[in-house]
Amino acid sequence: MPSSHEPDRAEATELSRTLGSPIPIGPDAPLIEVMATMRAMRRLKPDPVPAEVLTELIRAATWAPSGSDAQHYSYVVVTDRPQMAALGDLWRDVVETYITLMGSLVPGATDEPHARMLDALRYQAAHFDDTPALIAACYRRSGPGARRLLDLSANTALIKNLGATRLRRLAAGALTANGLAEASSIYPAVQNLLLAARANGLGATLTIWHLFNEKGFREVLGVPKDYGMYALVPIGYPLGNFGPVRRRPVGDVLHWQRW
């Protein structure tokens, strides 16, 4: 049943924590406090992030679950200045594309919070070459399993065991699952990475800017064709401060038993 009301944008009114409350920093920072104060940070200091810290972020990412425990993830970590400059040219182009489209993609995005976000996006684009580190999260693409299910002539044994109707239903669901399998295996890892970055006092933000020019980013990063690129995460020590996030009240989004 369709929703009777879909807001043009999120009506965020609830703070995760009291303003001015202590912000825990460090590997042992309480997880709930880290989640409650993990703002997207686009304004970053140019100070380098030690390689051992970046390695620990990737290690944290590998602790996330992956479908069938396949662990087909790989990460490209960029810290080299000429390489970052090459990415910066691409970044500025795709950000300009997004800003041009923003009125269509985010209806109602004309208020002060969105204006501040636009300023941060423009700042990040202008200073992208100074980004201390960029992490590209990748996952190997699934094989043609769903397409094989659709070939009923090649699945006589399955038809015998499941029946043609059930197999067709399974194949229809598999087509959708085929597109989501890699994403469901890499985005939990990216969230682990973001949480580990925040706990270590690093600012970061998950982006999918590369989708506006995936060919360009893929060429610069050298990502093989059989791997999908699911996120680009700029990382560095923040110029701003961590603090409570503002979100829609849980009562607005929670449904018990059914919608």
C-alpha atoms as a PDB file:
ATOM      1  CA  MET A   1       0.000   0.000   0.000  1.00  0.00           C
ATOM      2  CA  PRO A   2       1.566   3.362  -0.973  1.00  0.00           C
ATOM      3  CA  SER A   3       2.392   5.876   1.702  1.00  0.00           C
ATOM      4  CA  SER A   4      -0.103   8.707   2.084  1.00  0.00           C
ATOM      5  CA  HIS A   5       2.640  11.238   2.716  1.00  0.00           C
ATOM      6  CA  GLU A   6       6.193  11.317   1.436  1.00  0.00           C
ATOM      7  CA  PRO A   7       8.068  14.450   2.556  1.00  0.00           C
ATOM      8  CA  ASP A   8      10.203  16.217  -0.035  1.00  0.00           C
ATOM      9  CA  ARG A   9      13.143  15.841   2.343  1.00  0.00           C
ATOM     10  CA  ALA A  10      13.824  14.444   5.788  1.00  0.00           C
ATOM     11  CA  GLU A  11      12.205  16.455   8.571  1.00  0.00           C
ATOM     12  CA  ALA A  12      15.065  16.033  11.029  1.00  0.00           C
ATOM     13  CA  THR A  13      14.086  17.291  14.473  1.00  0.00           C
ATOM     14  CA  GLU A  14      15.660  14.913  16.998  1.00  0.00           C
ATOM     15  CA  LEU A  15      19.218  15.236  18.318  1.00  0.00           C
ATOM     16  CA  SER A  16      21.070  12.037  19.092  1.00  0.00           C
ATOM     17  CA  ARG A  17      22.801  13.607  22.095  1.00  0.00           C
ATOM     18  CA  THR A  18      22.631  16.814  24.129  1.00  0.00           C
ATOM     19  CA  LEU A  19      24.572  19.661  22.567  1.00  0.00           C
ATOM     20  CA  GLY A  20      27.862  20.208  24.333  1.00  0.00           C
ATOM     21  CA  SER A  21      28.068  16.664  25.714  1.00  0.00           C
ATOM     22  CA  PRO A  22      31.542  15.053  25.758  1.00  0.00           C
ATOM     23  CA  ILE A  23      32.737  13.538  22.464  1.00  0.00           C
ATOM     24  CA  PRO A  24      34.667  10.300  23.063  1.00  0.00           C
ATOM     25  CA  ILE A  25      37.712   9.764  20.854  1.00  0.00           C
ATOM     26  CA  GLY A  26      39.911   6.692  20.684  1.00  0.00           C
ATOM     27  CA  PRO A  27      39.770   2.995  19.745  1.00  0.00           C
ATOM     28  CA  ASP A  28      37.933   2.215  23.002  1.00  0.00           C
ATOM     29  CA  ALA A  29      35.263   4.911  22.574  1.00  0.00           C
ATOM     30  CA  PRO A  30      31.768   3.493  23.312  1.00  0.00           C
ATOM     31  CA  LEU A  31      30.168   2.313  20.071  1.00  0.00           C
ATOM     32  CA  ILE A  32      26.783   3.950  20.704  1.00  0.00           C
ATOM     33  CA  GLU A  33      28.449   7.293  21.433  1.00  0.00           C
ATOM     34  CA  VAL A  34      30.543   6.984  18.270  1.00  0.00           C
ATOM     35  CA  MET A  35      27.433   6.308  16.159  1.00  0.00           C
ATOM     36  CA  ALA A  36      25.520   9.168  17.794  1.00  0.00           C
ATOM     37  CA  THR A  37      28.246  11.703  16.977  1.00  0.00           C
ATOM     38  CA  MET A  38      29.436  10.543  13.545  1.00  0.00           C
ATOM     39  CA  ARG A  39      28.736  13.495  11.318  1.00  0.00           C
ATOM     40  CA  ALA A  40      29.677  13.556   7.647  1.00  0.00           C
ATOM     41  CA  MET A  41      32.931  15.530   7.514  1.00  0.00           C
ATOM     42  CA  ARG A  42      33.826  17.142   4.177  1.00  0.00           C
ATOM     43  CA  ARG A  43      36.177  19.856   5.422  1.00  0.00           C
ATOM     44  CA  LEU A  44      39.441  18.103   6.218  1.00  0.00           C
ATOM     45  CA  LYS A  45      42.895  19.198   7.317  1.00  0.00           C
ATOM     46  CA  PRO A  46      45.707  18.392   4.846  1.00  0.00           C
ATOM     47  CA  ASP A  47      47.669  16.604   7.601  1.00  0.00           C
ATOM     48  CA  PRO A  48      48.586  13.055   6.492  1.00  0.00           C
ATOM     49  CA  VAL A  49      46.918  10.072   8.127  1.00  0.00           C
ATOM     50  CA  PRO A  50      49.483   7.430   9.203  1.00  0.00           C
ATOM     51  CA  ALA A  51      49.486   4.324   7.005  1.00  0.00           C
ATOM     52  CA  GLU A  52      49.076   2.104  10.048  1.00  0.00           C
ATOM     53  CA  VAL A  53      45.842   3.923  10.987  1.00  0.00           C
ATOM     54  CA  LEU A  54      44.457   3.531   7.460  1.00  0.00           C
ATOM     55  CA  THR A  55      45.385  -0.154   7.582  1.00  0.00           C
ATOM     56  CA  GLU A  56      43.415  -0.529  10.821  1.00  0.00           C
ATOM     57  CA  LEU A  57      40.378   1.073   9.167  1.00  0.00           C
ATOM     58  CA  ILE A  58      40.524  -1.553   6.422  1.00  0.00           C
ATOM     59  CA  ARG A  59      40.969  -4.262   9.029  1.00  0.00           C
ATOM     60  CA  ALA A  60      37.789  -3.048  10.764  1.00  0.00           C
ATOM     61  CA  ALA A  61      35.997  -3.120   7.402  1.00  0.00           C
ATOM     62  CA  THR A  62      36.941  -6.769   6.899  1.00  0.00           C
ATOM     63  CA  TRP A  63      35.186  -7.696  10.150  1.00  0.00           C
ATOM     64  CA  ALA A  64      31.780  -6.936   8.625  1.00  0.00           C
ATOM     65  CA  PRO A  65      29.661  -9.827   7.319  1.00  0.00           C
ATOM     66  CA  SER A  66      29.599 -10.701   3.629  1.00  0.00           C
ATOM     67  CA  GLY A  67      27.125 -12.824   1.698  1.00  0.00           C
ATOM     68  CA  SER A  68      27.903 -16.558   1.907  1.00  0.00           C
ATOM     69  CA  ASP A  69      31.076 -15.473   3.740  1.00  0.00           C
ATOM     70  CA  ALA A  70      32.592 -14.989   0.277  1.00  0.00           C
ATOM     71  CA  GLN A  71      34.724 -11.998   1.379  1.00  0.00           C
ATOM     72  CA  HIS A  72      35.147 -10.783  -2.203  1.00  0.00           C
ATOM     73  CA  TYR A  73      35.900  -7.210  -1.102  1.00  0.00           C
ATOM     74  CA  SER A  74      38.967  -5.172  -2.007  1.00  0.00           C
ATOM     75  CA  TYR A  75      39.960  -1.623  -1.090  1.00  0.00           C
ATOM     76  CA  VAL A  76      42.067   0.915  -2.945  1.00  0.00           C
ATOM     77  CA  VAL A  77      43.690   3.411  -0.559  1.00  0.00           C
ATOM     78  CA  VAL A  78      45.057   6.559  -2.210  1.00  0.00           C
ATOM     79  CA  THR A  79      47.505   8.865  -0.420  1.00  0.00           C
ATOM     80  CA  ASP A  80      49.832   9.747  -3.318  1.00  0.00           C
ATOM     81  CA  ARG A  81      49.576  13.450  -4.211  1.00  0.00           C
ATOM     82  CA  PRO A  82      49.672  13.169  -8.041  1.00  0.00           C
ATOM     83  CA  GLN A  83      47.131  10.331  -7.860  1.00  0.00           C
ATOM     84  CA  MET A  84      44.892  12.437  -5.615  1.00  0.00           C
ATOM     85  CA  ALA A  85      45.187  15.373  -8.024  1.00  0.00           C
ATOM     86  CA  ALA A  86      44.040  13.158 -10.894  1.00  0.00           C
ATOM     87  CA  LEU A  87      41.040  12.109  -8.789  1.00  0.00           C
ATOM     88  CA  GLY A  88      40.463  15.755  -7.878  1.00  0.00           C
ATOM     89  CA  ASP A  89      39.824  16.691 -11.505  1.00  0.00           C
ATOM     90  CA  LEU A  90      37.184  13.968 -11.721  1.00  0.00           C
ATOM     91  CA  TRP A  91      35.728  14.894  -8.331  1.00  0.00           C
ATOM     92  CA  ARG A  92      35.189  18.542  -9.200  1.00  0.00           C
ATOM     93  CA  ASP A  93      33.433  17.562 -12.424  1.00  0.00           C
ATOM     94  CA  VAL A  94      30.998  15.130 -10.758  1.00  0.00           C
ATOM     95  CA  VAL A  95      30.287  17.488  -7.850  1.00  0.00           C
ATOM     96  CA  GLU A  96      29.368  20.199 -10.331  1.00  0.00           C
ATOM     97  CA  THR A  97      27.054  17.695 -12.021  1.00  0.00           C
ATOM     98  CA  TYR A  98      25.415  16.875  -8.684  1.00  0.00           C
ATOM     99  CA  ILE A  99      24.975  20.509  -7.701  1.00  0.00           C
ATOM    100  CA  THR A 100      23.362  21.193 -11.078  1.00  0.00           C
ATOM    101  CA  LEU A 101      20.974  18.265 -10.568  1.00  0.00           C
ATOM    102  CA  MET A 102      20.377  18.794  -6.865  1.00  0.00           C
ATOM    103  CA  GLY A 103      17.088  20.630  -7.234  1.00  0.00           C
ATOM    104  CA  SER A 104      15.716  17.622  -9.096  1.00  0.00           C
ATOM    105  CA  LEU A 105      17.309  14.943  -6.920  1.00  0.00           C
ATOM    106  CA  VAL A 106      16.426  16.534  -3.577  1.00  0.00           C
ATOM    107  CA  PRO A 107      13.137  18.454  -3.884  1.00  0.00           C
ATOM    108  CA  GLY A 108      12.903  21.231  -1.351  1.00  0.00           C
ATOM    109  CA  ALA A 109      16.655  21.397  -0.840  1.00  0.00           C
ATOM    110  CA  THR A 110      16.695  25.155  -0.378  1.00  0.00           C
ATOM    111  CA  ASP A 111      16.796  25.495   3.413  1.00  0.00           C
ATOM    112  CA  GLU A 112      19.750  26.449   5.609  1.00  0.00           C
ATOM    113  CA  PRO A 113      20.988  22.898   6.351  1.00  0.00           C
ATOM    114  CA  HIS A 114      21.141  22.087   2.644  1.00  0.00           C
ATOM    115  CA  ALA A 115      22.820  25.422   1.944  1.00  0.00           C
ATOM    116  CA  ARG A 116      25.504  24.535   4.509  1.00  0.00           C
ATOM    117  CA  MET A 117      25.919  21.135   2.878  1.00  0.00           C
ATOM    118  CA  LEU A 118      26.356  22.763  -0.528  1.00  0.00           C
ATOM    119  CA  ASP A 119      29.041  25.035   0.917  1.00  0.00           C
ATOM    120  CA  ALA A 120      30.808  21.974   2.342  1.00  0.00           C
ATOM    121  CA  LEU A 121      30.571  20.170  -1.011  1.00  0.00           C
ATOM    122  CA  ARG A 122      32.097  23.140  -2.800  1.00  0.00           C
ATOM    123  CA  TYR A 123      34.843  23.428  -0.194  1.00  0.00           C
ATOM    124  CA  GLN A 124      35.676  19.742  -0.519  1.00  0.00           C
ATOM    125  CA  ALA A 125      35.796  19.974  -4.303  1.00  0.00           C
ATOM    126  CA  ALA A 126      38.036  23.046  -4.243  1.00  0.00           C
ATOM    127  CA  HIS A 127      40.441  21.432  -1.749  1.00  0.00           C
ATOM    128  CA  PHE A 128      40.177  17.842  -2.932  1.00  0.00           C
ATOM    129  CA  ASP A 129      43.815  17.625  -4.027  1.00  0.00           C
ATOM    130  CA  ASP A 130      44.771  18.131  -0.358  1.00  0.00           C
ATOM    131  CA  THR A 131      42.589  15.239   0.863  1.00  0.00           C
ATOM    132  CA  PRO A 132      44.895  13.097   3.039  1.00  0.00           C
ATOM    133  CA  ALA A 133      43.405   9.765   1.943  1.00  0.00           C
ATOM    134  CA  LEU A 134      40.679   8.345  -0.261  1.00  0.00           C
ATOM    135  CA  ILE A 135      39.394   4.782   0.079  1.00  0.00           C
ATOM    136  CA  ALA A 136      37.532   3.064  -2.761  1.00  0.00           C
ATOM    137  CA  ALA A 137      35.418   0.144  -1.547  1.00  0.00           C
ATOM    138  CA  CYS A 138      35.026  -2.541  -4.200  1.00  0.00           C
ATOM    139  CA  TYR A 139      33.395  -5.960  -4.417  1.00  0.00           C
ATOM    140  CA  ARG A 140      33.710  -8.693  -7.020  1.00  0.00           C
ATOM    141  CA  ARG A 141      30.632  -8.980  -9.194  1.00  0.00           C
ATOM    142  CA  SER A 142      28.370 -12.019  -8.942  1.00  0.00           C
ATOM    143  CA  GLY A 143      28.346 -14.669 -11.610  1.00  0.00           C
ATOM    144  CA  PRO A 144      25.401 -15.353 -13.936  1.00  0.00           C
ATOM    145  CA  GLY A 145      23.551 -17.468 -11.358  1.00  0.00           C
ATOM    146  CA  ALA A 146      20.237 -15.653 -11.723  1.00  0.00           C
ATOM    147  CA  ARG A 147      20.333 -15.846 -15.515  1.00  0.00           C
ATOM    148  CA  ARG A 148      20.987 -19.579 -15.308  1.00  0.00           C
ATOM    149  CA  LEU A 149      17.891 -19.994 -13.156  1.00  0.00           C
ATOM    150  CA  LEU A 150      15.808 -18.343 -15.887  1.00  0.00           C
ATOM    151  CA  ASP A 151      16.953 -20.947 -18.410  1.00  0.00           C
ATOM    152  CA  LEU A 152      14.308 -23.558 -17.622  1.00  0.00           C
ATOM    153  CA  SER A 153      15.559 -25.881 -20.354  1.00  0.00           C
ATOM    154  CA  ALA A 154      18.864 -26.235 -18.499  1.00  0.00           C
ATOM    155  CA  ASN A 155      17.245 -26.828 -15.109  1.00  0.00           C
ATOM    156  CA  THR A 156      15.168 -29.944 -15.552  1.00  0.00           C
ATOM    157  CA  ALA A 157      16.357 -31.335 -12.220  1.00  0.00           C
ATOM    158  CA  LEU A 158      15.348 -28.170 -10.382  1.00  0.00           C
ATOM    159  CA  ILE A 159      11.978 -28.140 -12.141  1.00  0.00           C
ATOM    160  CA  LYS A 160      11.436 -31.690 -11.000  1.00  0.00           C
ATOM    161  CA  ASN A 161      12.313 -30.832  -7.383  1.00  0.00           C
ATOM    162  CA  LEU A 162      10.781 -27.352  -7.116  1.00  0.00           C
ATOM    163  CA  GLY A 163       8.221 -27.193  -9.889  1.00  0.00           C
ATOM    164  CA  ALA A 164       8.286 -24.720 -12.799  1.00  0.00           C
ATOM    165  CA  THR A 165       6.159 -22.102 -11.022  1.00  0.00           C
ATOM    166  CA  ARG A 166       8.337 -22.026  -7.923  1.00  0.00           C
ATOM    167  CA  LEU A 167      11.508 -21.929 -10.026  1.00  0.00           C
ATOM    168  CA  ARG A 168      10.215 -18.958 -12.035  1.00  0.00           C
ATOM    169  CA  ARG A 169       9.371 -17.164  -8.778  1.00  0.00           C
ATOM    170  CA  LEU A 170      12.840 -17.962  -7.441  1.00  0.00           C
ATOM    171  CA  ALA A 171      14.473 -16.710 -10.640  1.00  0.00           C
ATOM    172  CA  ALA A 172      12.511 -13.430 -10.510  1.00  0.00           C
ATOM    173  CA  GLY A 173      13.708 -12.825  -6.968  1.00  0.00           C
ATOM    174  CA  ALA A 174      17.232 -13.860  -7.908  1.00  0.00           C
ATOM    175  CA  LEU A 175      17.403 -11.141 -10.562  1.00  0.00           C
ATOM    176  CA  THR A 176      16.865  -8.533  -7.877  1.00  0.00           C
ATOM    177  CA  ALA A 177      19.164 -10.329  -5.444  1.00  0.00           C
ATOM    178  CA  ASN A 178      21.899 -10.473  -8.066  1.00  0.00           C
ATOM    179  CA  GLY A 179      22.008  -6.682  -8.114  1.00  0.00           C
ATOM    180  CA  LEU A 180      21.948  -6.366  -4.321  1.00  0.00           C
ATOM    181  CA  ALA A 181      24.246  -9.207  -3.281  1.00  0.00           C
ATOM    182  CA  GLU A 182      27.498  -7.289  -3.634  1.00  0.00           C
ATOM    183  CA  ALA A 183      26.056  -4.106  -2.114  1.00  0.00           C
ATOM    184  CA  SER A 184      24.783  -5.979   0.938  1.00  0.00           C
ATOM    185  CA  SER A 185      28.274  -7.422   1.380  1.00  0.00           C
ATOM    186  CA  ILE A 186      30.269  -4.195   1.009  1.00  0.00           C
ATOM    187  CA  TYR A 187      28.174  -1.456   2.643  1.00  0.00           C
ATOM    188  CA  PRO A 188      28.288  -3.029   6.134  1.00  0.00           C
ATOM    189  CA  ALA A 189      32.065  -3.035   5.689  1.00  0.00           C
ATOM    190  CA  VAL A 190      32.036   0.645   4.703  1.00  0.00           C
ATOM    191  CA  GLN A 191      30.000   1.439   7.818  1.00  0.00           C
ATOM    192  CA  ASN A 192      32.598  -0.400   9.926  1.00  0.00           C
ATOM    193  CA  LEU A 193      35.269   1.700   8.244  1.00  0.00           C
ATOM    194  CA  LEU A 194      33.392   4.936   8.969  1.00  0.00           C
ATOM    195  CA  LEU A 195      32.871   3.995  12.619  1.00  0.00           C
ATOM    196  CA  ALA A 196      36.534   3.096  13.017  1.00  0.00           C
ATOM    197  CA  ALA A 197      37.533   6.399  11.414  1.00  0.00           C
ATOM    198  CA  ARG A 198      35.263   8.363  13.738  1.00  0.00           C
ATOM    199  CA  ALA A 199      36.570   6.486  16.794  1.00  0.00           C
ATOM    200  CA  ASN A 200      40.107   7.414  15.759  1.00  0.00           C
ATOM    201  CA  GLY A 201      39.196  11.092  15.444  1.00  0.00           C
ATOM    202  CA  LEU A 202      39.089  11.052  11.648  1.00  0.00           C
ATOM    203  CA  GLY A 203      36.449  12.764   9.554  1.00  0.00           C
ATOM    204  CA  ALA A 204      34.966  10.931   6.581  1.00  0.00           C
ATOM    205  CA  THR A 205      31.907  10.681   4.387  1.00  0.00           C
ATOM    206  CA  LEU A 206      30.491   7.925   2.201  1.00  0.00           C
ATOM    207  CA  THR A 207      30.003   9.057  -1.383  1.00  0.00           C
ATOM    208  CA  ILE A 208      28.942   7.510  -4.686  1.00  0.00           C
ATOM    209  CA  TRP A 209      30.128  10.439  -6.807  1.00  0.00           C
ATOM    210  CA  HIS A 210      32.006   8.045  -9.077  1.00  0.00           C
ATOM    211  CA  LEU A 211      28.697   6.902 -10.587  1.00  0.00           C
ATOM    212  CA  PHE A 212      28.531  10.183 -12.525  1.00  0.00           C
ATOM    213  CA  ASN A 213      31.804   9.196 -14.267  1.00  0.00           C
ATOM    214  CA  GLU A 214      32.590   5.634 -13.283  1.00  0.00           C
ATOM    215  CA  LYS A 215      34.799   5.014 -16.309  1.00  0.00           C
ATOM    216  CA  GLY A 216      37.083   7.904 -15.351  1.00  0.00           C
ATOM    217  CA  PHE A 217      37.423   6.870 -11.706  1.00  0.00           C
ATOM    218  CA  ARG A 218      37.888   3.221 -12.646  1.00  0.00           C
ATOM    219  CA  GLU A 219      40.728   4.111 -15.012  1.00  0.00           C
ATOM    220  CA  VAL A 220      42.558   6.299 -12.472  1.00  0.00           C
ATOM    221  CA  LEU A 221      42.157   3.728  -9.694  1.00  0.00           C
ATOM    222  CA  GLY A 222      42.862   0.718 -11.912  1.00  0.00           C
ATOM    223  CA  VAL A 223      39.847  -1.240 -10.628  1.00  0.00           C
ATOM    224  CA  PRO A 224      39.402  -4.493 -12.601  1.00  0.00           C
ATOM    225  CA  LYS A 225      36.276  -4.908 -14.710  1.00  0.00           C
ATOM    226  CA  ASP A 226      34.999  -7.812 -12.624  1.00  0.00           C
ATOM    227  CA  TYR A 227      34.849  -5.621  -9.500  1.00  0.00           C
ATOM    228  CA  GLY A 228      32.095  -3.128  -8.783  1.00  0.00           C
ATOM    229  CA  MET A 229      32.947   0.213  -7.159  1.00  0.00           C
ATOM    230  CA  TYR A 230      30.453   0.877  -4.377  1.00  0.00           C
ATOM    231  CA  ALA A 231      31.811   3.838  -2.415  1.00  0.00           C
ATOM    232  CA  LEU A 232      34.522   6.461  -2.352  1.00  0.00           C
ATOM    233  CA  VAL A 233      35.406   7.631   1.163  1.00  0.00           C
ATOM    234  CA  PRO A 234      37.580  10.766   1.592  1.00  0.00           C
ATOM    235  CA  ILE A 235      39.266  10.640   5.009  1.00  0.00           C
ATOM    236  CA  GLY A 236      41.309  13.048   7.126  1.00  0.00           C
ATOM    237  CA  TYR A 237      41.420  14.914  10.403  1.00  0.00           C
ATOM    238  CA  PRO A 238      38.400  17.240  10.449  1.00  0.00           C
ATOM    239  CA  LEU A 239      38.483  21.014  10.455  1.00  0.00           C
ATOM    240  CA  GLY A 240      35.121  20.984  12.226  1.00  0.00           C
ATOM    241  CA  ASN A 241      33.904  19.217  15.339  1.00  0.00           C
ATOM    242  CA  PHE A 242      32.141  15.946  15.921  1.00  0.00           C
ATOM    243  CA  GLY A 243      28.802  16.293  17.634  1.00  0.00           C
ATOM    244  CA  PRO A 244      25.274  14.958  17.877  1.00  0.00           C
ATOM    245  CA  VAL A 245      23.497  14.200  14.619  1.00  0.00           C
ATOM    246  CA  ARG A 246      19.976  15.433  13.921  1.00  0.00           C
ATOM    247  CA  ARG A 247      17.582  12.858  12.523  1.00  0.00           C
ATOM    248  CA  ARG A 248      13.891  12.119  12.079  1.00  0.00           C
ATOM    249  CA  PRO A 249      12.323  10.957  15.359  1.00  0.00           C
ATOM    250  CA  VAL A 250      12.306   7.196  15.713  1.00  0.00           C
ATOM    251  CA  GLY A 251       8.533   7.292  16.224  1.00  0.00           C
ATOM    252  CA  ASP A 252       8.165   8.558  12.656  1.00  0.00           C
ATOM    253  CA  VAL A 253      10.016   5.630  11.119  1.00  0.00           C
ATOM    254  CA  LEU A 254       9.232   2.663  13.371  1.00  0.00           C
ATOM    255  CA  HIS A 255       6.443   0.235  12.409  1.00  0.00           C
ATOM    256  CA  TRP A 256       5.492  -2.655  14.708  1.00  0.00           C
ATOM    257  CA  GLN A 257       4.297  -6.000  13.290  1.00  0.00           C
ATOM    258  CA  ARG A 258       3.498  -4.551   9.815  1.00  0.00           C
ATOM    259  CA  TRP A 259       3.472  -1.207   7.961  1.00  0.00           C
END
